Amino acid sequence: TPGHTRGSVCYKAGKELFTGDTLFCLSCGR
């Protein structure tokens, strides 16, 4: 999920999604 950095990633495990600085509640990363 690049955008915040070139190599930003999210981790998905079952129904859990760890989004780092890509997706925030009602916003997104710089």
Full PDB file with SEQRES, HELIX, SHEET, SSBOND, CRYST1, ORIGX, SCALE, CONECT and MASTER records, all heavy atoms in Angstrom:
SEQRES   1 A   30  THR PRO GLY HIS THR ARG GLY SER VAL CYS TYR LYS ALA          
SEQRES   2 A   30  GLY LYS GLU LEU PHE THR GLY ASP THR LEU PHE CYS LEU          
SEQRES   3 A   30  SER CYS GLY ARG                                              
SHEET    1 AA1 2 TYR A  11  ALA A  13  0                                        
SHEET    2 AA1 2 GLU A  16  PHE A  18 -1                                        
CRYST1    1.000    1.000    1.000  90.00  90.00  90.00 P 1           1          
ORIGX1      1.000000  0.000000  0.000000        0.00000                         
ORIGX2      0.000000  1.000000  0.000000        0.00000                         
ORIGX3      0.000000  0.000000  1.000000        0.00000                         
SCALE1      1.000000  0.000000  0.000000        0.00000                         
SCALE2      0.000000  1.000000  0.000000        0.00000                         
SCALE3      0.000000  0.000000  1.000000        0.00000                         
ATOM      1  N   THR A   1       0.838  -1.205   0.000  1.00  0.00           N  
ATOM      2  CA  THR A   1       0.000   0.000   0.000  1.00  0.00           C  
ATOM      3  C   THR A   1       0.872   1.254   0.000  1.00  0.00           C  
ATOM      4  O   THR A   1       0.894   2.022   0.960  1.00  0.00           O  
ATOM      5  CB  THR A   1      -0.955   0.031   1.209  1.00  0.00           C  
ATOM      6  OG1 THR A   1      -0.181  -0.162   2.422  1.00  0.00           O  
ATOM      7  CG2 THR A   1      -2.006  -1.050   1.109  1.00  0.00           C  
ATOM      8  N   PRO A   2       1.621   1.494  -1.071  1.00  0.00           N  
ATOM      9  CA  PRO A   2       2.457   2.699  -1.124  1.00  0.00           C  
ATOM     10  C   PRO A   2       1.610   3.967  -1.091  1.00  0.00           C  
ATOM     11  O   PRO A   2       0.421   3.947  -1.406  1.00  0.00           O  
ATOM     12  CB  PRO A   2       3.184   2.549  -2.471  1.00  0.00           C  
ATOM     13  CG  PRO A   2       2.288   1.682  -3.293  1.00  0.00           C  
ATOM     14  CD  PRO A   2       1.660   0.722  -2.317  1.00  0.00           C  
ATOM     15  N   GLY A   3       2.257   5.042  -0.717  1.00  0.00           N  
ATOM     16  CA  GLY A   3       1.570   6.331  -0.624  1.00  0.00           C  
ATOM     17  C   GLY A   3       2.157   7.164   0.494  1.00  0.00           C  
ATOM     18  O   GLY A   3       2.606   8.289   0.291  1.00  0.00           O  
ATOM     19  N   HIS A   4       2.187   6.601   1.699  1.00  0.00           N  
ATOM     20  CA  HIS A   4       2.853   7.270   2.822  1.00  0.00           C  
ATOM     21  C   HIS A   4       4.362   7.154   2.644  1.00  0.00           C  
ATOM     22  O   HIS A   4       5.110   8.119   2.857  1.00  0.00           O  
ATOM     23  CB  HIS A   4       2.400   6.636   4.128  1.00  0.00           C  
ATOM     24  CG  HIS A   4       2.977   7.282   5.350  1.00  0.00           C  
ATOM     25  ND1 HIS A   4       2.741   8.602   5.666  1.00  0.00           N  
ATOM     26  CD2 HIS A   4       3.782   6.790   6.330  1.00  0.00           C  
ATOM     27  CE1 HIS A   4       3.376   8.896   6.797  1.00  0.00           C  
ATOM     28  NE2 HIS A   4       4.023   7.824   7.212  1.00  0.00           N  
ATOM     29  N   THR A   5       4.819   5.970   2.298  1.00  0.00           N  
ATOM     30  CA  THR A   5       6.192   5.721   1.841  1.00  0.00           C  
ATOM     31  C   THR A   5       6.096   4.815   0.621  1.00  0.00           C  
ATOM     32  O   THR A   5       5.042   4.248   0.338  1.00  0.00           O  
ATOM     33  CB  THR A   5       7.054   5.023   2.917  1.00  0.00           C  
ATOM     34  OG1 THR A   5       6.520   3.716   3.166  1.00  0.00           O  
ATOM     35  CG2 THR A   5       7.084   5.825   4.216  1.00  0.00           C  
ATOM     36  N   ARG A   6       7.206   4.650  -0.063  1.00  0.00           N  
ATOM     37  CA  ARG A   6       7.201   3.785  -1.253  1.00  0.00           C  
ATOM     38  C   ARG A   6       6.879   2.339  -0.890  1.00  0.00           C  
ATOM     39  O   ARG A   6       6.246   1.621  -1.660  1.00  0.00           O  
ATOM     40  CB  ARG A   6       8.561   3.831  -1.955  1.00  0.00           C  
ATOM     41  CG  ARG A   6       8.852   5.137  -2.660  1.00  0.00           C  
ATOM     42  CD  ARG A   6      10.112   5.039  -3.494  1.00  0.00           C  
ATOM     43  NE  ARG A   6      10.419   6.320  -4.139  1.00  0.00           N  
ATOM     44  CZ  ARG A   6      11.184   7.254  -3.592  1.00  0.00           C  
ATOM     45  NH1 ARG A   6      11.719   7.057  -2.410  1.00  0.00           N  
ATOM     46  NH2 ARG A   6      11.420   8.393  -4.230  1.00  0.00           N  
ATOM     47  N   GLY A   7       7.324   1.925   0.275  1.00  0.00           N  
ATOM     48  CA  GLY A   7       7.175   0.516   0.644  1.00  0.00           C  
ATOM     49  C   GLY A   7       6.196   0.247   1.765  1.00  0.00           C  
ATOM     50  O   GLY A   7       6.276  -0.800   2.416  1.00  0.00           O  
ATOM     51  N   SER A   8       5.287   1.164   2.012  1.00  0.00           N  
ATOM     52  CA  SER A   8       4.277   0.916   3.057  1.00  0.00           C  
ATOM     53  C   SER A   8       3.491  -0.350   2.734  1.00  0.00           C  
ATOM     54  O   SER A   8       3.124  -0.593   1.583  1.00  0.00           O  
ATOM     55  CB  SER A   8       3.307   2.098   3.153  1.00  0.00           C  
ATOM     56  OG  SER A   8       3.915   3.214   3.759  1.00  0.00           O  
ATOM     57  N   VAL A   9       3.236  -1.137   3.771  1.00  0.00           N  
ATOM     58  CA  VAL A   9       2.420  -2.340   3.611  1.00  0.00           C  
ATOM     59  C   VAL A   9       1.392  -2.405   4.726  1.00  0.00           C  
ATOM     60  O   VAL A   9       1.556  -1.803   5.796  1.00  0.00           O  
ATOM     61  CB  VAL A   9       3.269  -3.636   3.627  1.00  0.00           C  
ATOM     62  CG1 VAL A   9       4.270  -3.655   2.482  1.00  0.00           C  
ATOM     63  CG2 VAL A   9       3.967  -3.833   4.968  1.00  0.00           C  
ATOM     64  N   CYS A  10       0.334  -3.165   4.470  1.00  0.00           N  
ATOM     65  CA  CYS A  10      -0.626  -3.539   5.493  1.00  0.00           C  
ATOM     66  C   CYS A  10      -0.508  -5.042   5.700  1.00  0.00           C  
ATOM     67  O   CYS A  10      -0.056  -5.775   4.817  1.00  0.00           O  
ATOM     68  CB  CYS A  10      -2.050  -3.183   5.077  1.00  0.00           C  
ATOM     69  SG  CYS A  10      -2.319  -1.407   4.862  1.00  0.00           S  
ATOM     70  N   TYR A  11      -0.911  -5.493   6.872  1.00  0.00           N  
ATOM     71  CA  TYR A  11      -0.886  -6.920   7.189  1.00  0.00           C  
ATOM     72  C   TYR A  11      -2.306  -7.369   7.490  1.00  0.00           C  
ATOM     73  O   TYR A  11      -2.983  -6.774   8.329  1.00  0.00           O  
ATOM     74  CB  TYR A  11       0.025  -7.190   8.385  1.00  0.00           C  
ATOM     75  CG  TYR A  11       1.481  -6.866   8.130  1.00  0.00           C  
ATOM     76  CD1 TYR A  11       2.036  -5.675   8.599  1.00  0.00           C  
ATOM     77  CD2 TYR A  11       2.297  -7.744   7.429  1.00  0.00           C  
ATOM     78  CE1 TYR A  11       3.374  -5.377   8.366  1.00  0.00           C  
ATOM     79  CE2 TYR A  11       3.639  -7.448   7.195  1.00  0.00           C  
ATOM     80  CZ  TYR A  11       4.171  -6.272   7.668  1.00  0.00           C  
ATOM     81  OH  TYR A  11       5.496  -5.973   7.438  1.00  0.00           O  
ATOM     82  N   LYS A  12      -2.737  -8.437   6.824  1.00  0.00           N  
ATOM     83  CA  LYS A  12      -4.093  -8.955   6.991  1.00  0.00           C  
ATOM     84  C   LYS A  12      -4.031 -10.362   7.561  1.00  0.00           C  
ATOM     85  O   LYS A  12      -3.356 -11.237   7.015  1.00  0.00           O  
ATOM     86  CB  LYS A  12      -4.831  -8.965   5.652  1.00  0.00           C  
ATOM     87  CG  LYS A  12      -6.255  -9.500   5.710  1.00  0.00           C  
ATOM     88  CD  LYS A  12      -7.024  -9.174   4.435  1.00  0.00           C  
ATOM     89  CE  LYS A  12      -6.547  -9.979   3.246  1.00  0.00           C  
ATOM     90  NZ  LYS A  12      -6.953 -11.394   3.307  1.00  0.00           N  
ATOM     91  N   ALA A  13      -4.732 -10.570   8.670  1.00  0.00           N  
ATOM     92  CA  ALA A  13      -4.787 -11.883   9.309  1.00  0.00           C  
ATOM     93  C   ALA A  13      -6.239 -12.161   9.692  1.00  0.00           C  
ATOM     94  O   ALA A  13      -6.770 -11.517  10.606  1.00  0.00           O  
ATOM     95  CB  ALA A  13      -3.899 -11.929  10.543  1.00  0.00           C  
ATOM     96  N   GLY A  14      -6.881 -13.068   8.966  1.00  0.00           N  
ATOM     97  CA  GLY A  14      -8.303 -13.292   9.215  1.00  0.00           C  
ATOM     98  C   GLY A  14      -9.074 -12.020   8.938  1.00  0.00           C  
ATOM     99  O   GLY A  14      -8.987 -11.457   7.852  1.00  0.00           O  
ATOM    100  N   LYS A  15      -9.807 -11.547   9.934  1.00  0.00           N  
ATOM    101  CA  LYS A  15     -10.581 -10.310   9.797  1.00  0.00           C  
ATOM    102  C   LYS A  15      -9.888  -9.124  10.472  1.00  0.00           C  
ATOM    103  O   LYS A  15     -10.518  -8.099  10.754  1.00  0.00           O  
ATOM    104  CB  LYS A  15     -11.992 -10.497  10.358  1.00  0.00           C  
ATOM    105  CG  LYS A  15     -12.868 -11.383   9.471  1.00  0.00           C  
ATOM    106  CD  LYS A  15     -13.078 -10.765   8.093  1.00  0.00           C  
ATOM    107  CE  LYS A  15     -13.981 -11.581   7.199  1.00  0.00           C  
ATOM    108  NZ  LYS A  15     -14.148 -10.959   5.856  1.00  0.00           N  
ATOM    109  N   GLU A  16      -8.592  -9.258  10.720  1.00  0.00           N  
ATOM    110  CA  GLU A  16      -7.812  -8.184  11.329  1.00  0.00           C  
ATOM    111  C   GLU A  16      -6.946  -7.546  10.237  1.00  0.00           C  
ATOM    112  O   GLU A  16      -6.267  -8.245   9.480  1.00  0.00           O  
ATOM    113  CB  GLU A  16      -6.928  -8.711  12.452  1.00  0.00           C  
ATOM    114  CG  GLU A  16      -7.565  -9.769  13.353  1.00  0.00           C  
ATOM    115  CD  GLU A  16      -8.824  -9.317  14.063  1.00  0.00           C  
ATOM    116  OE1 GLU A  16      -9.077  -8.095  14.144  1.00  0.00           O  
ATOM    117  OE2 GLU A  16      -9.565 -10.178  14.537  1.00  0.00           O  
ATOM    118  N   LEU A  17      -6.957  -6.215  10.175  1.00  0.00           N  
ATOM    119  CA  LEU A  17      -6.216  -5.490   9.145  1.00  0.00           C  
ATOM    120  C   LEU A  17      -5.389  -4.393   9.809  1.00  0.00           C  
ATOM    121  O   LEU A  17      -5.929  -3.446  10.388  1.00  0.00           O  
ATOM    122  CB  LEU A  17      -7.194  -4.881   8.132  1.00  0.00           C  
ATOM    123  CG  LEU A  17      -6.607  -4.147   6.931  1.00  0.00           C  
ATOM    124  CD1 LEU A  17      -5.777  -5.087   6.063  1.00  0.00           C  
ATOM    125  CD2 LEU A  17      -7.725  -3.504   6.109  1.00  0.00           C  
ATOM    126  N   PHE A  18      -4.073  -4.541   9.732  1.00  0.00           N  
ATOM    127  CA  PHE A  18      -3.145  -3.597  10.351  1.00  0.00           C  
ATOM    128  C   PHE A  18      -2.647  -2.651   9.260  1.00  0.00           C  
ATOM    129  O   PHE A  18      -1.927  -3.068   8.353  1.00  0.00           O  
ATOM    130  CB  PHE A  18      -1.985  -4.351  10.995  1.00  0.00           C  
ATOM    131  CG  PHE A  18      -2.438  -5.353  12.028  1.00  0.00           C  
ATOM    132  CD1 PHE A  18      -2.697  -6.672  11.665  1.00  0.00           C  
ATOM    133  CD2 PHE A  18      -2.636  -4.978  13.350  1.00  0.00           C  
ATOM    134  CE1 PHE A  18      -3.131  -7.600  12.610  1.00  0.00           C  
ATOM    135  CE2 PHE A  18      -3.075  -5.898  14.296  1.00  0.00           C  
ATOM    136  CZ  PHE A  18      -3.327  -7.212  13.924  1.00  0.00           C  
ATOM    137  N   THR A  19      -3.042  -1.380   9.362  1.00  0.00           N  
ATOM    138  CA  THR A  19      -2.883  -0.468   8.225  1.00  0.00           C  
ATOM    139  C   THR A  19      -1.756   0.550   8.367  1.00  0.00           C  
ATOM    140  O   THR A  19      -1.566   1.378   7.470  1.00  0.00           O  
ATOM    141  CB  THR A  19      -4.202   0.274   7.952  1.00  0.00           C  
ATOM    142  OG1 THR A  19      -4.592   0.998   9.133  1.00  0.00           O  
ATOM    143  CG2 THR A  19      -5.311  -0.702   7.574  1.00  0.00           C  
ATOM    144  N   GLY A  20      -0.999   0.521   9.453  1.00  0.00           N  
ATOM    145  CA  GLY A  20       0.113   1.458   9.591  1.00  0.00           C  
ATOM    146  C   GLY A  20      -0.343   2.889   9.392  1.00  0.00           C  
ATOM    147  O   GLY A  20      -1.369   3.313   9.925  1.00  0.00           O  
ATOM    148  N   ASP A  21       0.417   3.636   8.592  1.00  0.00           N  
ATOM    149  CA  ASP A  21       0.062   5.032   8.316  1.00  0.00           C  
ATOM    150  C   ASP A  21      -0.568   5.191   6.933  1.00  0.00           C  
ATOM    151  O   ASP A  21      -0.460   6.250   6.307  1.00  0.00           O  
ATOM    152  CB  ASP A  21       1.294   5.927   8.446  1.00  0.00           C  
ATOM    153  CG  ASP A  21       1.693   6.143   9.900  1.00  0.00           C  
ATOM    154  OD1 ASP A  21       1.071   5.516  10.783  1.00  0.00           O  
ATOM    155  OD2 ASP A  21       2.641   6.908  10.144  1.00  0.00           O  
ATOM    156  N   THR A  22      -1.230   4.138   6.474  1.00  0.00           N  
ATOM    157  CA  THR A  22      -1.983   4.229   5.222  1.00  0.00           C  
ATOM    158  C   THR A  22      -3.408   4.668   5.506  1.00  0.00           C  
ATOM    159  O   THR A  22      -3.840   5.734   5.059  1.00  0.00           O  
ATOM    160  CB  THR A  22      -1.972   2.892   4.460  1.00  0.00           C  
ATOM    161  OG1 THR A  22      -0.617   2.563   4.120  1.00  0.00           O  
ATOM    162  CG2 THR A  22      -2.815   2.975   3.182  1.00  0.00           C  
ATOM    163  N   LEU A  23      -4.146   3.888   6.246  1.00  0.00           N  
ATOM    164  CA  LEU A  23      -5.546   4.181   6.533  1.00  0.00           C  
ATOM    165  C   LEU A  23      -5.729   4.467   8.014  1.00  0.00           C  
ATOM    166  O   LEU A  23      -5.365   3.648   8.866  1.00  0.00           O  
ATOM    167  CB  LEU A  23      -6.428   2.987   6.128  1.00  0.00           C  
ATOM    168  CG  LEU A  23      -7.918   3.081   6.465  1.00  0.00           C  
ATOM    169  CD1 LEU A  23      -8.575   4.254   5.736  1.00  0.00           C  
ATOM    170  CD2 LEU A  23      -8.621   1.765   6.121  1.00  0.00           C  
ATOM    171  N   PHE A  24      -6.277   5.637   8.328  1.00  0.00           N  
ATOM    172  CA  PHE A  24      -6.648   6.012   9.686  1.00  0.00           C  
ATOM    173  C   PHE A  24      -8.166   6.104   9.786  1.00  0.00           C  
ATOM    174  O   PHE A  24      -8.869   6.099   8.767  1.00  0.00           O  
ATOM    175  CB  PHE A  24      -6.069   7.385  10.064  1.00  0.00           C  
ATOM    176  CG  PHE A  24      -4.572   7.447  10.090  1.00  0.00           C  
ATOM    177  CD1 PHE A  24      -3.918   8.574   9.629  1.00  0.00           C  
ATOM    178  CD2 PHE A  24      -3.828   6.402  10.595  1.00  0.00           C  
ATOM    179  CE1 PHE A  24      -2.532   8.660   9.668  1.00  0.00           C  
ATOM    180  CE2 PHE A  24      -2.446   6.466  10.644  1.00  0.00           C  
ATOM    181  CZ  PHE A  24      -1.797   7.601  10.177  1.00  0.00           C  
ATOM    182  N   CYS A  25      -8.654   6.243  10.992  1.00  0.00           N  
ATOM    183  CA  CYS A  25     -10.077   6.492  11.196  1.00  0.00           C  
ATOM    184  C   CYS A  25     -10.421   7.867  10.615  1.00  0.00           C  
ATOM    185  O   CYS A  25      -9.908   8.889  11.074  1.00  0.00           O  
ATOM    186  CB  CYS A  25     -10.420   6.436  12.679  1.00  0.00           C  
ATOM    187  SG  CYS A  25     -12.164   6.722  13.037  1.00  0.00           S  
ATOM    188  N   LEU A  26     -11.223   7.870   9.569  1.00  0.00           N  
ATOM    189  CA  LEU A  26     -11.713   9.081   8.898  1.00  0.00           C  
ATOM    190  C   LEU A  26     -10.624   9.904   8.216  1.00  0.00           C  
ATOM    191  O   LEU A  26     -10.836  11.066   7.876  1.00  0.00           O  
ATOM    192  CB  LEU A  26     -12.505   9.961   9.870  1.00  0.00           C  
ATOM    193  CG  LEU A  26     -13.761   9.310  10.466  1.00  0.00           C  
ATOM    194  CD1 LEU A  26     -14.414  10.244  11.480  1.00  0.00           C  
ATOM    195  CD2 LEU A  26     -14.746   8.943   9.363  1.00  0.00           C  
ATOM    196  N   SER A  27      -9.452   9.311   8.012  1.00  0.00           N  
ATOM    197  CA  SER A  27      -8.389  10.031   7.307  1.00  0.00           C  
ATOM    198  C   SER A  27      -7.386   9.026   6.757  1.00  0.00           C  
ATOM    199  O   SER A  27      -7.612   7.820   6.774  1.00  0.00           O  
ATOM    200  CB  SER A  27      -7.707  11.053   8.230  1.00  0.00           C  
ATOM    201  OG  SER A  27      -7.020  10.400   9.277  1.00  0.00           O  
ATOM    202  N   CYS A  28      -6.244   9.548   6.305  1.00  0.00           N  
ATOM    203  CA  CYS A  28      -5.187   8.675   5.799  1.00  0.00           C  
ATOM    204  C   CYS A  28      -3.840   9.298   6.133  1.00  0.00           C  
ATOM    205  O   CYS A  28      -3.768  10.421   6.639  1.00  0.00           O  
ATOM    206  CB  CYS A  28      -5.334   8.455   4.288  1.00  0.00           C  
ATOM    207  SG  CYS A  28      -5.060   9.947   3.295  1.00  0.00           S  
ATOM    208  N   GLY A  29      -2.779   8.572   5.830  1.00  0.00           N  
ATOM    209  CA  GLY A  29      -1.444   9.041   6.158  1.00  0.00           C  
ATOM    210  C   GLY A  29      -0.979  10.190   5.278  1.00  0.00           C  
ATOM    211  O   GLY A  29      -1.505  10.414   4.181  1.00  0.00           O  
ATOM    212  N   ARG A  30       0.016  10.913   5.766  1.00  0.00           N  
ATOM    213  CA  ARG A  30       0.601  12.015   5.012  1.00  0.00           C  
ATOM    214  C   ARG A  30       1.331  11.497   3.781  1.00  0.00           C  
ATOM    215  O   ARG A  30       1.835  10.368   3.762  1.00  0.00           O  
ATOM    216  CB  ARG A  30       1.578  12.787   5.903  1.00  0.00           C  
ATOM    217  CG  ARG A  30       0.913  13.498   7.046  1.00  0.00           C  
ATOM    218  CD  ARG A  30       1.926  14.129   7.977  1.00  0.00           C  
ATOM    219  NE  ARG A  30       2.780  15.113   7.305  1.00  0.00           N  
ATOM    220  CZ  ARG A  30       3.585  15.961   7.940  1.00  0.00           C  
ATOM    221  NH1 ARG A  30       3.632  15.954   9.268  1.00  0.00           N  
ATOM    222  NH2 ARG A  30       4.332  16.813   7.269  1.00  0.00           N  
TER     223      ARG A  30                                                      
MASTER        0    0    0    0    2    0    0    6  222    1    0    3          
END                                                                             
